[in-house]
N, C-alpha and C. Protein backbone atom coordinates (compact mmCIF):
# COMPACT_ATOMS: atom_id res chain seq x y z
N MET A 1 0.76 1.90 0.56
CA MET A 1 1.41 0.66 0.92
C MET A 1 0.43 -0.18 1.73
N LEU A 2 0.60 -1.48 1.65
CA LEU A 2 -0.25 -2.37 2.42
C LEU A 2 0.25 -2.48 3.85
N VAL A 3 -0.68 -2.65 4.77
CA VAL A 3 -0.35 -2.92 6.17
C VAL A 3 -1.25 -4.05 6.65
N ILE A 4 -0.79 -4.76 7.65
CA ILE A 4 -1.61 -5.78 8.28
C ILE A 4 -2.39 -5.09 9.38
N LYS A 5 -3.68 -5.04 9.22
CA LYS A 5 -4.51 -4.27 10.15
C LYS A 5 -4.74 -5.00 11.46
N ASN A 6 -4.96 -6.31 11.44
CA ASN A 6 -5.25 -7.04 12.67
C ASN A 6 -4.65 -8.44 12.60
N ALA A 7 -3.40 -8.55 12.99
CA ALA A 7 -2.71 -9.84 12.94
C ALA A 7 -3.10 -10.74 14.10
N ALA A 8 -3.77 -10.19 15.10
CA ALA A 8 -4.12 -10.97 16.29
C ALA A 8 -5.04 -12.14 15.98
N VAL A 9 -5.79 -12.05 14.90
CA VAL A 9 -6.72 -13.13 14.56
C VAL A 9 -6.02 -14.28 13.83
N LEU A 10 -4.73 -14.12 13.55
CA LEU A 10 -3.97 -15.12 12.80
C LEU A 10 -3.07 -15.93 13.73
N SER A 11 -2.82 -17.18 13.34
CA SER A 11 -1.83 -17.98 14.06
C SER A 11 -0.44 -17.44 13.73
N LEU A 12 0.56 -17.86 14.48
CA LEU A 12 1.93 -17.39 14.20
C LEU A 12 2.36 -17.75 12.79
N LYS A 13 2.02 -18.96 12.35
CA LYS A 13 2.39 -19.39 11.00
C LYS A 13 1.68 -18.53 9.96
N GLU A 14 0.39 -18.26 10.16
CA GLU A 14 -0.36 -17.42 9.23
C GLU A 14 0.20 -16.00 9.21
N ARG A 15 0.56 -15.47 10.37
CA ARG A 15 1.15 -14.12 10.43
C ARG A 15 2.41 -14.04 9.60
N ALA A 16 3.25 -15.08 9.71
CA ALA A 16 4.51 -15.08 8.96
C ALA A 16 4.23 -15.09 7.46
N VAL A 17 3.27 -15.88 7.03
CA VAL A 17 2.92 -15.96 5.60
C VAL A 17 2.38 -14.61 5.13
N VAL A 18 1.45 -14.05 5.88
CA VAL A 18 0.84 -12.77 5.51
C VAL A 18 1.90 -11.67 5.49
N LYS A 19 2.77 -11.65 6.48
CA LYS A 19 3.83 -10.64 6.52
C LYS A 19 4.73 -10.74 5.29
N ARG A 20 5.10 -11.96 4.90
CA ARG A 20 5.93 -12.13 3.70
C ARG A 20 5.21 -11.62 2.45
N LEU A 21 3.91 -11.92 2.34
CA LEU A 21 3.13 -11.45 1.19
C LEU A 21 3.02 -9.93 1.16
N VAL A 22 2.75 -9.33 2.29
CA VAL A 22 2.64 -7.88 2.37
C VAL A 22 3.98 -7.22 2.06
N ASP A 23 5.05 -7.76 2.62
CA ASP A 23 6.39 -7.21 2.34
C ASP A 23 6.72 -7.31 0.85
N ALA A 24 6.39 -8.45 0.23
CA ALA A 24 6.67 -8.63 -1.20
C ALA A 24 5.85 -7.64 -2.03
N GLU A 25 4.58 -7.48 -1.69
CA GLU A 25 3.73 -6.53 -2.43
C GLU A 25 4.25 -5.11 -2.28
N ASN A 26 4.65 -4.72 -1.09
CA ASN A 26 5.16 -3.37 -0.87
C ASN A 26 6.48 -3.14 -1.62
N ARG A 27 7.32 -4.17 -1.70
CA ARG A 27 8.56 -4.05 -2.50
C ARG A 27 8.20 -3.84 -3.97
N ASP A 28 7.20 -4.61 -4.46
CA ASP A 28 6.78 -4.45 -5.85
C ASP A 28 6.23 -3.05 -6.10
N ARG A 29 5.46 -2.55 -5.16
CA ARG A 29 4.90 -1.21 -5.33
C ARG A 29 6.00 -0.15 -5.35
N LYS A 30 7.00 -0.29 -4.48
CA LYS A 30 8.13 0.66 -4.49
C LYS A 30 8.83 0.63 -5.84
N GLY A 31 9.02 -0.58 -6.38
CA GLY A 31 9.64 -0.71 -7.70
C GLY A 31 8.78 -0.05 -8.77
N LEU A 32 7.47 -0.23 -8.69
CA LEU A 32 6.56 0.40 -9.63
C LEU A 32 6.66 1.92 -9.56
N TYR A 33 6.65 2.46 -8.35
CA TYR A 33 6.73 3.91 -8.20
C TYR A 33 8.05 4.44 -8.77
N GLN A 34 9.13 3.73 -8.52
CA GLN A 34 10.43 4.16 -9.05
C GLN A 34 10.46 4.10 -10.57
N ALA A 35 9.86 3.04 -11.14
CA ALA A 35 9.83 2.90 -12.60
C ALA A 35 8.98 4.01 -13.24
N VAL A 36 7.82 4.28 -12.65
CA VAL A 36 6.95 5.33 -13.18
C VAL A 36 7.65 6.68 -13.04
N ALA A 37 8.27 6.92 -11.90
CA ALA A 37 8.99 8.18 -11.69
C ALA A 37 10.10 8.34 -12.73
N GLY A 38 10.82 7.26 -12.99
CA GLY A 38 11.89 7.33 -13.99
C GLY A 38 11.34 7.61 -15.39
N ALA A 39 10.25 6.94 -15.75
CA ALA A 39 9.66 7.12 -17.07
C ALA A 39 9.11 8.53 -17.26
N LEU A 40 8.58 9.10 -16.19
CA LEU A 40 8.00 10.45 -16.26
C LEU A 40 9.00 11.54 -15.89
N LYS A 41 10.21 11.11 -15.59
CA LYS A 41 11.28 12.04 -15.18
C LYS A 41 10.89 12.84 -13.93
N VAL A 42 10.24 12.13 -13.00
CA VAL A 42 9.87 12.72 -11.72
C VAL A 42 11.08 12.61 -10.80
N PRO A 43 11.50 13.69 -10.16
CA PRO A 43 12.67 13.61 -9.28
C PRO A 43 12.38 12.71 -8.07
N PRO A 44 13.41 12.05 -7.56
CA PRO A 44 13.23 11.16 -6.41
C PRO A 44 12.53 11.83 -5.22
N SER A 45 12.73 13.11 -5.07
CA SER A 45 12.10 13.82 -3.95
C SER A 45 10.58 13.88 -4.08
N GLU A 46 10.05 13.59 -5.26
CA GLU A 46 8.60 13.66 -5.50
C GLU A 46 7.94 12.29 -5.55
N ILE A 47 8.70 11.22 -5.27
CA ILE A 47 8.12 9.87 -5.34
C ILE A 47 7.00 9.70 -4.32
N SER A 48 7.11 10.31 -3.15
CA SER A 48 6.04 10.19 -2.16
C SER A 48 4.74 10.80 -2.70
N ARG A 49 4.84 11.85 -3.46
CA ARG A 49 3.65 12.46 -4.07
C ARG A 49 3.04 11.50 -5.09
N LEU A 50 3.89 10.84 -5.84
CA LEU A 50 3.44 9.83 -6.81
C LEU A 50 2.72 8.70 -6.08
N GLN A 51 3.26 8.27 -4.95
CA GLN A 51 2.62 7.23 -4.15
C GLN A 51 1.23 7.66 -3.71
N GLN A 52 1.08 8.90 -3.31
CA GLN A 52 -0.22 9.41 -2.87
C GLN A 52 -1.24 9.36 -4.01
N ILE A 53 -0.79 9.70 -5.20
CA ILE A 53 -1.69 9.66 -6.36
C ILE A 53 -2.15 8.23 -6.63
N PHE A 54 -1.20 7.29 -6.61
CA PHE A 54 -1.56 5.88 -6.80
C PHE A 54 -2.51 5.41 -5.71
N ALA A 55 -2.25 5.79 -4.46
CA ALA A 55 -3.09 5.36 -3.34
C ALA A 55 -4.51 5.87 -3.52
N GLN A 56 -4.66 7.10 -3.92
CA GLN A 56 -6.00 7.66 -4.13
C GLN A 56 -6.75 6.90 -5.22
N GLU A 57 -6.05 6.56 -6.29
CA GLU A 57 -6.70 5.84 -7.38
C GLU A 57 -7.06 4.41 -6.96
N TRP A 58 -6.16 3.74 -6.23
CA TRP A 58 -6.46 2.38 -5.76
C TRP A 58 -7.62 2.40 -4.78
N GLN A 59 -7.70 3.43 -3.96
CA GLN A 59 -8.80 3.52 -3.01
C GLN A 59 -10.14 3.69 -3.74
N LYS A 60 -10.14 4.40 -4.83
CA LYS A 60 -11.37 4.58 -5.60
C LYS A 60 -11.90 3.26 -6.16
N THR A 61 -10.98 2.38 -6.54
CA THR A 61 -11.39 1.12 -7.18
C THR A 61 -11.43 -0.06 -6.22
N ALA A 62 -11.09 0.16 -4.96
CA ALA A 62 -11.12 -0.92 -3.96
C ALA A 62 -12.57 -1.37 -3.75
N PRO A 63 -12.76 -2.67 -3.55
CA PRO A 63 -14.12 -3.15 -3.32
C PRO A 63 -14.69 -2.67 -1.99
N ALA A 64 -16.01 -2.65 -1.90
CA ALA A 64 -16.68 -2.27 -0.66
C ALA A 64 -16.20 -3.16 0.47
N GLY A 65 -16.03 -2.58 1.65
CA GLY A 65 -15.57 -3.33 2.82
C GLY A 65 -14.07 -3.28 3.03
N THR A 66 -13.33 -2.75 2.05
CA THR A 66 -11.88 -2.63 2.16
C THR A 66 -11.54 -1.54 3.16
N TRP A 67 -10.57 -1.83 4.06
CA TRP A 67 -10.10 -0.80 4.99
C TRP A 67 -9.19 0.16 4.24
N ILE A 68 -9.45 1.44 4.39
CA ILE A 68 -8.69 2.48 3.70
C ILE A 68 -8.23 3.51 4.72
N GLU A 69 -6.97 3.90 4.60
CA GLU A 69 -6.42 4.95 5.46
C GLU A 69 -6.70 6.29 4.78
N SER A 70 -7.72 6.98 5.25
CA SER A 70 -8.15 8.23 4.61
C SER A 70 -7.21 9.39 4.91
N SER A 71 -6.59 9.36 6.06
CA SER A 71 -5.54 10.31 6.42
C SER A 71 -4.62 9.56 7.39
N PRO A 72 -3.42 10.05 7.64
CA PRO A 72 -2.49 9.29 8.48
C PRO A 72 -3.11 8.86 9.81
N GLY A 73 -3.20 7.54 9.98
CA GLY A 73 -3.72 6.97 11.23
C GLY A 73 -5.23 6.86 11.31
N LYS A 74 -5.94 7.37 10.31
CA LYS A 74 -7.41 7.33 10.33
C LYS A 74 -7.90 6.29 9.32
N TRP A 75 -8.41 5.18 9.85
CA TRP A 75 -8.86 4.08 9.01
C TRP A 75 -10.38 4.03 8.96
N GLN A 76 -10.90 3.68 7.80
CA GLN A 76 -12.34 3.51 7.65
C GLN A 76 -12.61 2.45 6.58
N ARG A 77 -13.76 1.82 6.69
CA ARG A 77 -14.16 0.86 5.66
C ARG A 77 -14.82 1.61 4.53
N LYS A 78 -14.48 1.17 3.34
CA LYS A 78 -15.08 1.79 2.16
C LYS A 78 -16.50 1.30 2.03
């Protein structure tokens, strides 16, 4: 899922816009995970595992300089 790493550099108006965009993208991703799980007949209890698989693949293709959470709470630039 996407997170806002440093909102302090944004104005209040920019923060609101970015928050709406991030929230919308995360809703879309949840819908994607649910659709894929349904198509593959993955039980709801395994959706978090599906999310991890997608995250690993997106991290592989992320451009250089992208912040990636390599483990819970541990961030690094690719």
